[in-house]
C-alpha cells in the first residue's frame, strides 16, 4: 500500500486507537457522555477512512486525481473539526461546539461526495 491509500489507511489506524481509547476511558470512568464522539471517530475515522484507503489501494489510478487529494485533505480537516465540536458539545459547551460540529459535518459530507464522484467511473466500468 502506498501513496494516498497508505495515508488514508494510516490515519484510519490512528482514529481506531483514539476512538477505542475514548471508549475505554468512558468505561473506566462510567461517564458515557462522549459516546457520540466515540462513535463518530470510529465510524468515520476508522471504518470510512480504511475503506477509502482500500479502494485507492485496489484502484491506484483513482488515487492520482486532484479530486482524490482534495477529498483526503477535506476529510481529514473536517473530521478533526467535527470531533472537536462534538467534544465541546458533549462536555457541556454546545454554544462553542455546534459551529465546529456543523462545519466539520458538512466538510465530511462534501469529502464523501468527492469520493463518490471520483469512485463512480471506476465502479461503473467494472
Protein backbone atom coordinates (compact mmCIF):
# COMPACT_ATOMS: atom_id res chain seq x y z
CA UNK A 1 0.00 0.00 0.00
CA UNK A 2 1.41 3.38 -0.95
CA UNK A 3 0.51 6.97 -1.69
CA UNK A 4 -2.97 8.20 -0.90
CA UNK A 5 -4.18 4.71 0.00
CA UNK A 6 -1.45 4.43 2.62
CA UNK A 7 -2.19 7.90 4.04
CA UNK A 8 -5.90 7.12 4.37
CA UNK A 9 -5.24 3.76 6.00
CA UNK A 10 -2.56 5.13 8.35
CA UNK A 11 -4.92 7.85 9.56
CA UNK A 12 -7.67 5.22 9.95
CA UNK A 13 -5.38 3.31 12.31
CA UNK A 14 -4.81 6.44 14.37
CA UNK A 15 -8.55 7.08 14.58
CA UNK A 16 -9.12 3.45 15.59
CA UNK A 17 -6.74 3.83 18.52
CA UNK A 18 -8.18 7.22 19.52
CA UNK A 19 -11.80 6.08 19.28
CA UNK A 20 -11.19 2.87 21.19
CA UNK A 21 -9.15 4.73 23.81
CA UNK A 22 -12.05 7.12 24.34
CA UNK A 23 -14.34 4.10 24.74
CA UNK A 24 -12.03 2.57 27.37
CA UNK A 25 -11.83 5.88 29.24
CA UNK A 26 -15.63 6.15 29.23
CA UNK A 27 -15.90 2.61 30.57
CA UNK A 28 -13.33 3.18 33.30
CA UNK A 29 -14.91 6.44 34.46
CA UNK A 30 -18.52 5.27 33.98
CA UNK A 31 -19.06 8.57 32.13
CA UNK A 32 -20.52 7.89 28.71
CA UNK A 33 -21.35 11.45 27.74
CA UNK A 34 -18.86 11.33 24.86
CA UNK A 35 -20.48 8.25 23.29
CA UNK A 36 -21.50 10.17 20.12
CA UNK A 37 -17.93 11.48 19.75
CA UNK A 38 -16.56 7.95 20.24
CA UNK A 39 -18.96 6.61 17.58
CA UNK A 40 -18.10 9.32 15.03
CA UNK A 41 -14.36 8.80 15.46
CA UNK A 42 -14.74 5.05 14.92
CA UNK A 43 -17.31 5.01 12.12
CA UNK A 44 -15.94 7.90 10.07
CA UNK A 45 -12.29 7.90 11.09
CA UNK A 46 -11.64 4.18 11.38
CA UNK A 47 -14.17 2.48 9.12
CA UNK A 48 -14.73 5.05 6.36
CA UNK A 49 -11.10 6.11 6.09
CA UNK A 50 -9.98 2.46 5.99
CA UNK A 51 -12.48 1.79 3.20
CA UNK A 52 -11.24 4.84 1.28
CA UNK A 53 -7.70 3.52 1.70
CA UNK A 54 -8.63 0.05 0.47
CA UNK A 55 -10.48 1.49 -2.53
CA UNK A 56 -7.50 3.61 -3.53
CA UNK A 57 -5.21 0.61 -3.00
CA UNK A 58 -7.33 -1.54 -5.29
CA UNK A 59 -7.74 1.22 -7.89
CA UNK A 60 -4.49 3.23 -7.75
CA UNK A 61 -5.33 5.33 -10.81
CA UNK A 62 -8.27 6.85 -8.89
CA UNK A 63 -5.87 7.91 -6.13
CA UNK A 64 -3.81 10.00 -8.56
CA UNK A 65 -6.56 12.51 -9.30
CA UNK A 66 -6.83 16.02 -7.89
CA UNK A 67 -10.27 15.07 -6.60
CA UNK A 68 -8.73 12.26 -4.51
CA UNK A 69 -6.15 14.60 -3.00
CA UNK A 70 -8.82 17.20 -2.24
CA UNK A 71 -11.02 14.50 -0.74
CA UNK A 72 -8.21 13.34 1.56
CA UNK A 73 -7.40 16.78 2.95
CA UNK A 74 -11.05 17.84 3.24
CA UNK A 75 -11.90 14.59 5.04
CA UNK A 76 -9.01 14.90 7.48
CA UNK A 77 -9.58 18.56 8.38
CA UNK A 78 -13.36 18.11 8.52
CA UNK A 79 -13.27 15.07 10.79
CA UNK A 80 -10.90 16.79 13.23
CA UNK A 81 -13.12 19.90 13.20
CA UNK A 82 -16.26 17.83 13.76
CA UNK A 83 -14.68 15.81 16.58
CA UNK A 84 -13.51 19.00 18.31
CA UNK A 85 -17.07 20.32 18.10
CA UNK A 86 -18.58 17.09 19.41
CA UNK A 87 -16.13 17.02 22.33
CA UNK A 88 -17.22 20.56 23.24
CA UNK A 89 -20.94 19.83 22.78
CA UNK A 90 -20.88 16.74 24.99
CA UNK A 91 -18.66 18.45 27.55
CA UNK A 92 -21.49 20.91 28.17
CA UNK A 93 -20.35 23.71 25.85
CA UNK A 94 -22.75 23.41 22.89
CA UNK A 95 -22.56 27.13 22.13
CA UNK A 96 -18.86 26.67 21.33
CA UNK A 97 -19.04 23.21 19.78
CA UNK A 98 -22.04 23.43 17.48
CA UNK A 99 -20.39 25.69 14.87
CA UNK A 100 -17.37 23.36 14.68
CA UNK A 101 -19.51 20.23 14.57
CA UNK A 102 -21.71 21.76 11.87
CA UNK A 103 -18.87 22.93 9.64
CA UNK A 104 -17.00 19.66 10.17
CA UNK A 105 -20.08 17.60 9.34
CA UNK A 106 -20.67 19.49 6.11
CA UNK A 107 -17.00 19.03 5.23
CA UNK A 108 -17.19 15.29 5.86
CA UNK A 109 -20.26 15.10 3.63
CA UNK A 110 -18.55 17.09 0.88
CA UNK A 111 -15.45 14.90 1.09
CA UNK A 112 -17.65 11.82 0.73
CA UNK A 113 -19.34 13.38 -2.29
CA UNK A 114 -15.88 13.97 -3.79
CA UNK A 115 -15.07 10.32 -3.15
CA UNK A 116 -18.30 9.24 -4.85
CA UNK A 117 -17.57 11.45 -7.87
CA UNK A 118 -14.05 10.05 -8.08
CA UNK A 119 -15.01 6.41 -7.49
CA UNK A 120 -18.14 6.31 -9.68
CA UNK A 121 -16.36 5.92 -13.04
CA UNK A 122 -14.30 3.04 -11.64
CA UNK A 123 -17.36 1.34 -10.16
CA UNK A 124 -19.40 1.80 -13.35
CA UNK A 125 -16.67 0.41 -15.60
CA UNK A 126 -16.17 -2.75 -13.57
